Every structure is written in structure tokens, then in C-alpha cells.
PDB file of all heavy atoms in Angstrom:
ATOM      1  N   LYS A   1      81.391  62.848 150.316  1.00  0.00           N
ATOM      2  CA  LYS A   1      81.572  63.126 148.914  1.00  0.00           C
ATOM      3  C   LYS A   1      80.466  64.154 148.305  1.00  0.00           C
ATOM      4  O   LYS A   1      79.804  63.929 147.390  1.00  0.00           O
ATOM      5  CB  LYS A   1      81.629  61.864 148.156  1.00  0.00           C
ATOM      6  CG  LYS A   1      82.660  60.877 148.468  1.00  0.00           C
ATOM      7  CD  LYS A   1      83.968  61.547 148.328  1.00  0.00           C
ATOM      8  CE  LYS A   1      85.075  60.391 148.534  1.00  0.00           C
ATOM      9  NZ  LYS A   1      85.168  59.856 150.001  1.00  0.00           N
ATOM     10  N   ALA A   2      80.296  65.281 149.044  1.00  0.00           N
ATOM     11  CA  ALA A   2      79.414  66.346 148.613  1.00  0.00           C
ATOM     12  C   ALA A   2      77.878  65.973 148.810  1.00  0.00           C
ATOM     13  O   ALA A   2      77.120  66.787 148.318  1.00  0.00           O
ATOM     14  CB  ALA A   2      79.667  66.779 147.156  1.00  0.00           C
ATOM     15  N   LYS A   3      77.495  64.886 149.516  1.00  0.00           N
ATOM     16  CA  LYS A   3      76.192  64.609 149.727  1.00  0.00           C
ATOM     17  C   LYS A   3      75.571  65.376 150.967  1.00  0.00           C
ATOM     18  O   LYS A   3      74.322  65.555 151.078  1.00  0.00           O
ATOM     19  CB  LYS A   3      76.039  63.101 149.843  1.00  0.00           C
ATOM     20  CG  LYS A   3      76.306  62.355 148.638  1.00  0.00           C
ATOM     21  CD  LYS A   3      76.259  60.868 148.843  1.00  0.00           C
ATOM     22  CE  LYS A   3      76.605  60.078 147.634  1.00  0.00           C
ATOM     23  NZ  LYS A   3      76.556  58.613 147.814  1.00  0.00           N
ATOM     24  N   GLY A   4      76.458  65.734 151.953  1.00  0.00           N
ATOM     25  CA  GLY A   4      75.958  66.392 153.119  1.00  0.00           C
ATOM     26  C   GLY A   4      76.059  65.498 154.313  1.00  0.00           C
ATOM     27  O   GLY A   4      75.554  64.328 154.193  1.00  0.00           O
ATOM     28  N   CYS A   5      76.788  65.832 155.383  1.00  0.00           N
ATOM     29  CA  CYS A   5      76.910  65.098 156.566  1.00  0.00           C
ATOM     30  C   CYS A   5      77.203  66.020 157.677  1.00  0.00           C
ATOM     31  O   CYS A   5      77.233  67.235 157.588  1.00  0.00           O
ATOM     32  CB  CYS A   5      77.979  64.027 156.417  1.00  0.00           C
ATOM     33  SG  CYS A   5      79.588  64.815 156.209  1.00  0.00           S
ATOM     34  N   ARG A   6      77.482  65.458 158.965  1.00  0.00           N
ATOM     35  CA  ARG A   6      77.732  66.187 159.996  1.00  0.00           C
ATOM     36  C   ARG A   6      79.024  66.988 159.929  1.00  0.00           C
ATOM     37  O   ARG A   6      79.151  68.112 160.356  1.00  0.00           O
ATOM     38  CB  ARG A   6      77.877  65.251 161.366  1.00  0.00           C
ATOM     39  CG  ARG A   6      78.202  65.880 162.600  1.00  0.00           C
ATOM     40  CD  ARG A   6      78.435  64.952 163.718  1.00  0.00           C
ATOM     41  NE  ARG A   6      79.535  64.029 163.383  1.00  0.00           N
ATOM     42  CZ  ARG A   6      80.862  64.282 163.525  1.00  0.00           C
ATOM     43  NH1 ARG A   6      81.166  65.424 164.017  1.00  0.00           N
ATOM     44  NH2 ARG A   6      81.755  63.430 163.264  1.00  0.00           N
ATOM     45  N   ILE A   7      80.097  66.353 159.332  1.00  0.00           N
ATOM     46  CA  ILE A   7      81.403  66.979 159.194  1.00  0.00           C
ATOM     47  C   ILE A   7      81.336  68.257 158.392  1.00  0.00           C
ATOM     48  O   ILE A   7      81.928  69.325 158.839  1.00  0.00           O
ATOM     49  CB  ILE A   7      82.440  66.010 158.692  1.00  0.00           C
ATOM     50  CG1 ILE A   7      82.607  64.832 159.639  1.00  0.00           C
ATOM     51  CG2 ILE A   7      83.752  66.692 158.374  1.00  0.00           C
ATOM     52  CD1 ILE A   7      83.635  63.760 159.111  1.00  0.00           C
ATOM     53  N   CYS A   8      80.587  68.241 157.342  1.00  0.00           N
ATOM     54  CA  CYS A   8      80.531  69.448 156.464  1.00  0.00           C
ATOM     55  C   CYS A   8      79.375  70.277 156.715  1.00  0.00           C
ATOM     56  O   CYS A   8      78.982  71.198 155.954  1.00  0.00           O
ATOM     57  CB  CYS A   8      80.556  68.958 154.965  1.00  0.00           C
ATOM     58  SG  CYS A   8      79.126  67.949 154.460  1.00  0.00           S
ATOM     59  N   LYS A   9      78.553  69.922 157.800  1.00  0.00           N
ATOM     60  CA  LYS A   9      77.378  70.682 158.195  1.00  0.00           C
ATOM     61  C   LYS A   9      76.312  70.676 157.067  1.00  0.00           C
ATOM     62  O   LYS A   9      75.755  71.673 156.823  1.00  0.00           O
ATOM     63  CB  LYS A   9      77.754  72.035 158.549  1.00  0.00           C
ATOM     64  CG  LYS A   9      78.668  72.140 159.738  1.00  0.00           C
ATOM     65  CD  LYS A   9      79.044  73.572 160.140  1.00  0.00           C
ATOM     66  CE  LYS A   9      79.995  73.644 161.289  1.00  0.00           C
ATOM     67  NZ  LYS A   9      80.422  75.077 161.698  1.00  0.00           N
ATOM     68  N   GLN A  10      76.196  69.483 156.435  1.00  0.00           N
ATOM     69  CA  GLN A  10      75.206  69.286 155.421  1.00  0.00           C
ATOM     70  C   GLN A  10      75.447  70.112 154.161  1.00  0.00           C
ATOM     71  O   GLN A  10      74.639  70.161 153.279  1.00  0.00           O
ATOM     72  CB  GLN A  10      73.854  69.539 155.932  1.00  0.00           C
ATOM     73  CG  GLN A  10      73.413  68.767 157.213  1.00  0.00           C
ATOM     74  CD  GLN A  10      73.576  67.245 157.048  1.00  0.00           C
ATOM     75  OE1 GLN A  10      73.290  66.710 156.041  1.00  0.00           O
ATOM     76  NE2 GLN A  10      74.056  66.620 158.142  1.00  0.00           N
ATOM     77  N   GLU A  11      76.602  70.689 154.053  1.00  0.00           N
ATOM     78  CA  GLU A  11      77.001  71.592 152.873  1.00  0.00           C
ATOM     79  C   GLU A  11      77.599  70.687 151.691  1.00  0.00           C
ATOM     80  O   GLU A  11      77.537  71.094 150.603  1.00  0.00           O
ATOM     81  CB  GLU A  11      77.961  72.627 153.244  1.00  0.00           C
ATOM     82  CG  GLU A  11      77.347  73.648 154.242  1.00  0.00           C
ATOM     83  CD  GLU A  11      76.210  74.558 153.581  1.00  0.00           C
ATOM     84  OE1 GLU A  11      76.301  74.718 152.354  1.00  0.00           O
ATOM     85  OE2 GLU A  11      75.462  75.051 154.301  1.00  0.00           O
ATOM     86  N   GLY A  12      78.187  69.656 152.068  1.00  0.00           N
ATOM     87  CA  GLY A  12      78.927  68.813 151.015  1.00  0.00           C
ATOM     88  C   GLY A  12      80.315  69.323 150.731  1.00  0.00           C
ATOM     89  O   GLY A  12      81.169  68.761 150.122  1.00  0.00           O
ATOM     90  N   TRP A  13      80.645  70.540 151.256  1.00  0.00           N
ATOM     91  CA  TRP A  13      82.023  71.251 150.996  1.00  0.00           C
ATOM     92  C   TRP A  13      82.494  71.857 152.340  1.00  0.00           C
ATOM     93  O   TRP A  13      81.632  72.207 153.189  1.00  0.00           O
ATOM     94  CB  TRP A  13      81.882  72.287 149.942  1.00  0.00           C
ATOM     95  CG  TRP A  13      81.551  71.792 148.640  1.00  0.00           C
ATOM     96  CD1 TRP A  13      80.196  71.618 148.201  1.00  0.00           C
ATOM     97  CD2 TRP A  13      82.402  71.523 147.549  1.00  0.00           C
ATOM     98  NE1 TRP A  13      80.236  71.166 146.841  1.00  0.00           N
ATOM     99  CE2 TRP A  13      81.545  71.006 146.442  1.00  0.00           C
ATOM    100  CE3 TRP A  13      83.679  71.493 147.315  1.00  0.00           C
ATOM    101  CZ2 TRP A  13      82.061  70.684 145.219  1.00  0.00           C
ATOM    102  CZ3 TRP A  13      84.261  71.117 146.111  1.00  0.00           C
ATOM    103  CH2 TRP A  13      83.558  70.625 145.072  1.00  0.00           C
ATOM    104  N   ILE A  14      83.794  71.800 152.400  1.00  0.00           N
ATOM    105  CA  ILE A  14      84.442  72.368 153.704  1.00  0.00           C
ATOM    106  C   ILE A  14      85.330  73.539 153.363  1.00  0.00           C
ATOM    107  O   ILE A  14      86.297  73.353 152.454  1.00  0.00           O
ATOM    108  CB  ILE A  14      85.257  71.240 154.417  1.00  0.00           C
ATOM    109  CG1 ILE A  14      84.373  70.038 154.759  1.00  0.00           C
ATOM    110  CG2 ILE A  14      85.897  71.827 155.728  1.00  0.00           C
ATOM    111  CD1 ILE A  14      85.086  68.839 155.280  1.00  0.00           C
ATOM    112  N   GLU A  15      85.005  74.682 153.893  1.00  0.00           N
ATOM    113  CA  GLU A  15      85.885  75.834 153.723  1.00  0.00           C
ATOM    114  C   GLU A  15      87.242  75.546 154.316  1.00  0.00           C
ATOM    115  O   GLU A  15      87.350  75.266 155.498  1.00  0.00           O
ATOM    116  CB  GLU A  15      85.285  77.044 154.345  1.00  0.00           C
ATOM    117  CG  GLU A  15      86.022  78.304 154.173  1.00  0.00           C
ATOM    118  CD  GLU A  15      85.404  79.554 154.806  1.00  0.00           C
ATOM    119  OE1 GLU A  15      84.122  79.615 154.836  1.00  0.00           O
ATOM    120  OE2 GLU A  15      86.158  80.394 155.190  1.00  0.00           O
ATOM    121  N   LEU A  16      88.307  75.874 153.481  1.00  0.00           N
ATOM    122  CA  LEU A  16      89.650  75.481 153.944  1.00  0.00           C
ATOM    123  C   LEU A  16      90.655  76.765 154.068  1.00  0.00           C
ATOM    124  O   LEU A  16      91.386  76.745 155.004  1.00  0.00           O
ATOM    125  CB  LEU A  16      90.196  74.382 153.089  1.00  0.00           C
ATOM    126  CG  LEU A  16      91.381  73.608 153.684  1.00  0.00           C
ATOM    127  CD1 LEU A  16      90.954  72.846 154.961  1.00  0.00           C
ATOM    128  CD2 LEU A  16      92.005  72.668 152.745  1.00  0.00           C
ATOM    129  N   LEU A  17      90.745  77.520 153.034  1.00  0.00           N
ATOM    130  CA  LEU A  17      91.745  78.512 152.986  1.00  0.00           C
ATOM    131  C   LEU A  17      91.329  79.635 152.071  1.00  0.00           C
ATOM    132  O   LEU A  17      90.413  79.629 151.323  1.00  0.00           O
ATOM    133  CB  LEU A  17      93.072  77.944 152.562  1.00  0.00           C
ATOM    134  CG  LEU A  17      93.184  77.137 151.223  1.00  0.00           C
ATOM    135  CD1 LEU A  17      93.308  78.237 150.016  1.00  0.00           C
ATOM    136  CD2 LEU A  17      94.347  76.231 151.213  1.00  0.00           C
ATOM    137  N   GLY A  18      92.122  80.802 152.197  1.00  0.00           N
ATOM    138  CA  GLY A  18      92.022  81.966 151.334  1.00  0.00           C
ATOM    139  C   GLY A  18      93.129  81.960 150.369  1.00  0.00           C
ATOM    140  O   GLY A  18      94.230  81.514 150.584  1.00  0.00           O
ATOM    141  N   CYS A  19      92.852  82.571 149.201  1.00  0.00           N
ATOM    142  CA  CYS A  19      93.924  82.592 148.051  1.00  0.00           C
ATOM    143  C   CYS A  19      93.522  83.699 147.171  1.00  0.00           C
ATOM    144  O   CYS A  19      92.472  84.355 147.238  1.00  0.00           O
ATOM    145  CB  CYS A  19      93.916  81.266 147.386  1.00  0.00           C
ATOM    146  SG  CYS A  19      92.461  80.734 146.673  1.00  0.00           S
ATOM    147  N   GLY A  20      94.287  83.841 146.173  1.00  0.00           N
ATOM    148  CA  GLY A  20      94.085  84.832 145.126  1.00  0.00           C
ATOM    149  C   GLY A  20      95.371  85.240 144.418  1.00  0.00           C
ATOM    150  O   GLY A  20      96.468  84.654 144.626  1.00  0.00           O
ATOM    151  N   MET A  21      95.215  86.032 143.304  1.00  0.00           N
ATOM    152  CA  MET A  21      96.325  86.530 142.590  1.00  0.00           C
ATOM    153  C   MET A  21      97.021  87.652 143.282  1.00  0.00           C
ATOM    154  O   MET A  21      96.293  88.640 143.795  1.00  0.00           O
ATOM    155  CB  MET A  21      95.887  86.935 141.114  1.00  0.00           C
ATOM    156  CG  MET A  21      95.194  85.837 140.353  1.00  0.00           C
ATOM    157  SD  MET A  21      96.390  84.438 140.098  1.00  0.00           S
ATOM    158  CE  MET A  21      97.520  85.171 138.971  1.00  0.00           C
ATOM    159  N   VAL A  22      98.310  87.710 143.296  1.00  0.00           N
ATOM    160  CA  VAL A  22      99.078  88.822 143.903  1.00  0.00           C
ATOM    161  C   VAL A  22      98.646  90.146 143.421  1.00  0.00           C
ATOM    162  O   VAL A  22      98.755  90.348 142.169  1.00  0.00           O
ATOM    163  CB  VAL A  22     100.604  88.574 143.961  1.00  0.00           C
ATOM    164  CG1 VAL A  22     101.269  89.679 144.653  1.00  0.00           C
ATOM    165  CG2 VAL A  22     100.932  87.144 144.613  1.00  0.00           C
ATOM    166  N   ASP A  23      98.312  91.023 144.304  1.00  0.00           N
ATOM    167  CA  ASP A  23      97.935  92.432 143.847  1.00  0.00           C
ATOM    168  C   ASP A  23      99.194  93.041 143.290  1.00  0.00           C
ATOM    169  O   ASP A  23     100.314  92.986 143.783  1.00  0.00           O
ATOM    170  CB  ASP A  23      97.456  93.267 145.048  1.00  0.00           C
ATOM    171  CG  ASP A  23      96.863  94.504 144.578  1.00  0.00           C
ATOM    172  OD1 ASP A  23      97.530  95.331 143.887  1.00  0.00           O
ATOM    173  OD2 ASP A  23      95.615  94.810 144.981  1.00  0.00           O
ATOM    174  N   PRO A  24      99.120  93.722 142.019  1.00  0.00           N
ATOM    175  CA  PRO A  24     100.253  94.418 141.478  1.00  0.00           C
ATOM    176  C   PRO A  24     100.900  95.361 142.337  1.00  0.00           C
ATOM    177  O   PRO A  24     102.145  95.590 142.182  1.00  0.00           O
ATOM    178  CB  PRO A  24      99.635  95.145 140.209  1.00  0.00           C
ATOM    179  CG  PRO A  24      98.452  94.221 139.885  1.00  0.00           C
ATOM    180  CD  PRO A  24      97.889  93.791 141.245  1.00  0.00           C
ATOM    181  N   TYR A  25     100.188  96.001 143.273  1.00  0.00           N
ATOM    182  CA  TYR A  25     100.819  96.843 144.259  1.00  0.00           C
ATOM    183  C   TYR A  25     101.930  96.225 145.013  1.00  0.00           C
ATOM    184  O   TYR A  25     103.096  96.778 145.228  1.00  0.00           O
ATOM    185  CB  TYR A  25      99.723  97.422 145.266  1.00  0.00           C
ATOM    186  CG  TYR A  25     100.310  98.122 146.424  1.00  0.00           C
ATOM    187  CD1 TYR A  25     100.649  99.429 146.265  1.00  0.00           C
ATOM    188  CD2 TYR A  25     100.488  97.511 147.636  1.00  0.00           C
ATOM    189  CE1 TYR A  25     101.163 100.191 147.362  1.00  0.00           C
ATOM    190  CE2 TYR A  25     101.080  98.188 148.734  1.00  0.00           C
ATOM    191  CZ  TYR A  25     101.388  99.596 148.576  1.00  0.00           C
ATOM    192  OH  TYR A  25     101.913 100.200 149.639  1.00  0.00           O
ATOM    193  N   LEU A  26     101.812  95.017 145.403  1.00  0.00           N
ATOM    194  CA  LEU A  26     102.851  94.232 146.162  1.00  0.00           C
ATOM    195  C   LEU A  26     104.033  94.035 145.227  1.00  0.00           C
ATOM    196  O   LEU A  26     105.222  94.186 145.734  1.00  0.00           O
ATOM    197  CB  LEU A  26     102.359  92.894 146.683  1.00  0.00           C
ATOM    198  CG  LEU A  26     101.618  92.896 148.045  1.00  0.00           C
ATOM    199  CD1 LEU A  26     100.287  93.731 147.956  1.00  0.00           C
ATOM    200  CD2 LEU A  26     101.358  91.514 148.526  1.00  0.00           C
ATOM    201  N   LEU A  27     103.801  93.718 144.053  1.00  0.00           N
ATOM    202  CA  LEU A  27     105.034  93.422 143.095  1.00  0.00           C
ATOM    203  C   LEU A  27     105.734  94.755 142.787  1.00  0.00           C
ATOM    204  O   LEU A  27     107.046  94.756 142.858  1.00  0.00           O
ATOM    205  CB  LEU A  27     104.385  92.905 141.801  1.00  0.00           C
ATOM    206  CG  LEU A  27     103.683  91.520 141.858  1.00  0.00           C
ATOM    207  CD1 LEU A  27     103.125  91.193 140.466  1.00  0.00           C
ATOM    208  CD2 LEU A  27     104.504  90.518 142.494  1.00  0.00           C
ATOM    209  N   GLU A  28     104.993  95.875 142.622  1.00  0.00           N
ATOM    210  CA  GLU A  28     105.722  97.092 142.461  1.00  0.00           C
ATOM    211  C   GLU A  28     106.583  97.601 143.648  1.00  0.00           C
ATOM    212  O   GLU A  28     107.607  98.068 143.618  1.00  0.00           O
ATOM    213  CB  GLU A  28     104.652  98.272 142.093  1.00  0.00           C
ATOM    214  CG  GLU A  28     104.007  98.108 140.713  1.00  0.00           C
ATOM    215  CD  GLU A  28     102.997  99.235 140.484  1.00  0.00           C
ATOM    216  OE1 GLU A  28     102.777  99.949 141.441  1.00  0.00           O
ATOM    217  OE2 GLU A  28     102.575  99.320 139.382  1.00  0.00           O
ATOM    218  N   ARG A  29     105.953  97.216 144.876  1.00  0.00           N
ATOM    219  CA  ARG A  29     106.642  97.697 146.131  1.00  0.00           C
ATOM    220  C   ARG A  29     108.043  96.980 146.298  1.00  0.00           C
ATOM    221  O   ARG A  29     108.936  97.608 146.788  1.00  0.00           O
ATOM    222  CB  ARG A  29     105.748  97.395 147.318  1.00  0.00           C
ATOM    223  CG  ARG A  29     106.336  97.935 148.594  1.00  0.00           C
ATOM    224  CD  ARG A  29     105.390  97.601 149.804  1.00  0.00           C
ATOM    225  NE  ARG A  29     105.998  98.099 151.013  1.00  0.00           N
ATOM    226  CZ  ARG A  29     105.659  99.211 151.610  1.00  0.00           C
ATOM    227  NH1 ARG A  29     104.808  99.998 151.074  1.00  0.00           N
ATOM    228  NH2 ARG A  29     106.279  99.548 152.730  1.00  0.00           N
ATOM    229  N   VAL A  30     108.135  95.838 145.863  1.00  0.00           N
ATOM    230  CA  VAL A  30     109.399  95.026 145.982  1.00  0.00           C
ATOM    231  C   VAL A  30     110.186  95.210 144.789  1.00  0.00           C
ATOM    232  O   VAL A  30     111.390  94.522 144.725  1.00  0.00           O
ATOM    233  CB  VAL A  30     109.169  93.550 146.334  1.00  0.00           C
ATOM    234  CG1 VAL A  30     108.319  93.406 147.658  1.00  0.00           C
ATOM    235  CG2 VAL A  30     108.343  92.875 145.157  1.00  0.00           C
ATOM    236  N   GLY A  31     109.819  95.880 143.827  1.00  0.00           N
ATOM    237  CA  GLY A  31     110.657  96.181 142.533  1.00  0.00           C
ATOM    238  C   GLY A  31     110.462  95.232 141.432  1.00  0.00           C
ATOM    239  O   GLY A  31     111.370  95.214 140.556  1.00  0.00           O
ATOM    240  N   TYR A  32     109.293  94.383 141.493  1.00  0.00           N
ATOM    241  CA  TYR A  32     109.079  93.549 140.448  1.00  0.00           C
ATOM    242  C   TYR A  32     108.293  94.326 139.268  1.00  0.00           C
ATOM    243  O   TYR A  32     107.498  95.233 139.641  1.00  0.00           O
ATOM    244  CB  TYR A  32     108.220  92.332 140.776  1.00  0.00           C
ATOM    245  CG  TYR A  32     109.066  91.327 141.662  1.00  0.00           C
ATOM    246  CD1 TYR A  32     110.245  91.565 141.983  1.00  0.00           C
ATOM    247  CD2 TYR A  32     108.406  90.154 142.026  1.00  0.00           C
ATOM    248  CE1 TYR A  32     111.058  90.635 142.818  1.00  0.00           C
ATOM    249  CE2 TYR A  32     109.075  89.171 142.819  1.00  0.00           C
ATOM    250  CZ  TYR A  32     110.388  89.426 143.272  1.00  0.00           C
ATOM    251  OH  TYR A  32     111.074  88.565 144.002  1.00  0.00           O
ATOM    252  N   ASP A  33     108.438  93.906 138.072  1.00  0.00           N
ATOM    253  CA  ASP A  33     107.606  94.501 137.035  1.00  0.00           C
ATOM    254  C   ASP A  33     106.315  93.856 136.845  1.00  0.00           C
ATOM    255  O   ASP A  33     106.295  92.674 136.389  1.00  0.00           O
ATOM    256  CB  ASP A  33     108.441  94.413 135.657  1.00  0.00           C
ATOM    257  CG  ASP A  33     107.707  95.098 134.573  1.00  0.00           C
ATOM    258  OD1 ASP A  33     106.638  95.697 134.783  1.00  0.00           O
ATOM    259  OD2 ASP A  33     108.280  95.042 133.420  1.00  0.00           O
ATOM    260  N   PRO A  34     105.212  94.515 137.226  1.00  0.00           N
ATOM    261  CA  PRO A  34     103.879  93.832 137.235  1.00  0.00           C
ATOM    262  C   PRO A  34     103.320  93.581 135.835  1.00  0.00           C
ATOM    263  O   PRO A  34     102.376  92.833 135.621  1.00  0.00           O
ATOM    264  CB  PRO A  34     102.977  94.821 137.873  1.00  0.00           C
ATOM    265  CG  PRO A  34     103.697  96.164 137.842  1.00  0.00           C
ATOM    266  CD  PRO A  34     105.105  95.878 137.808  1.00  0.00           C
TER     267      PRO A  34
END
């Protein structure tokens, strides 16, 4: 619970995935109005 241990390498947090808002370029390419 964010205190630091072996599993999280004493960080308290575990990196899991990448994400973000869709770049308007992708929307324009498929014909969506950005």
C-alpha cells in the first residue's frame, strides 16, 4: 500500500501501462472531425 516492498522495488507504486489522449492526426486520418 505504497510503503515500499520487494514487489514494488521499494517504490510503493508499480508501472503498469501506457496511455494518453488520441492524437488529432489519427482522427483526421480516419475521417473523424477532431
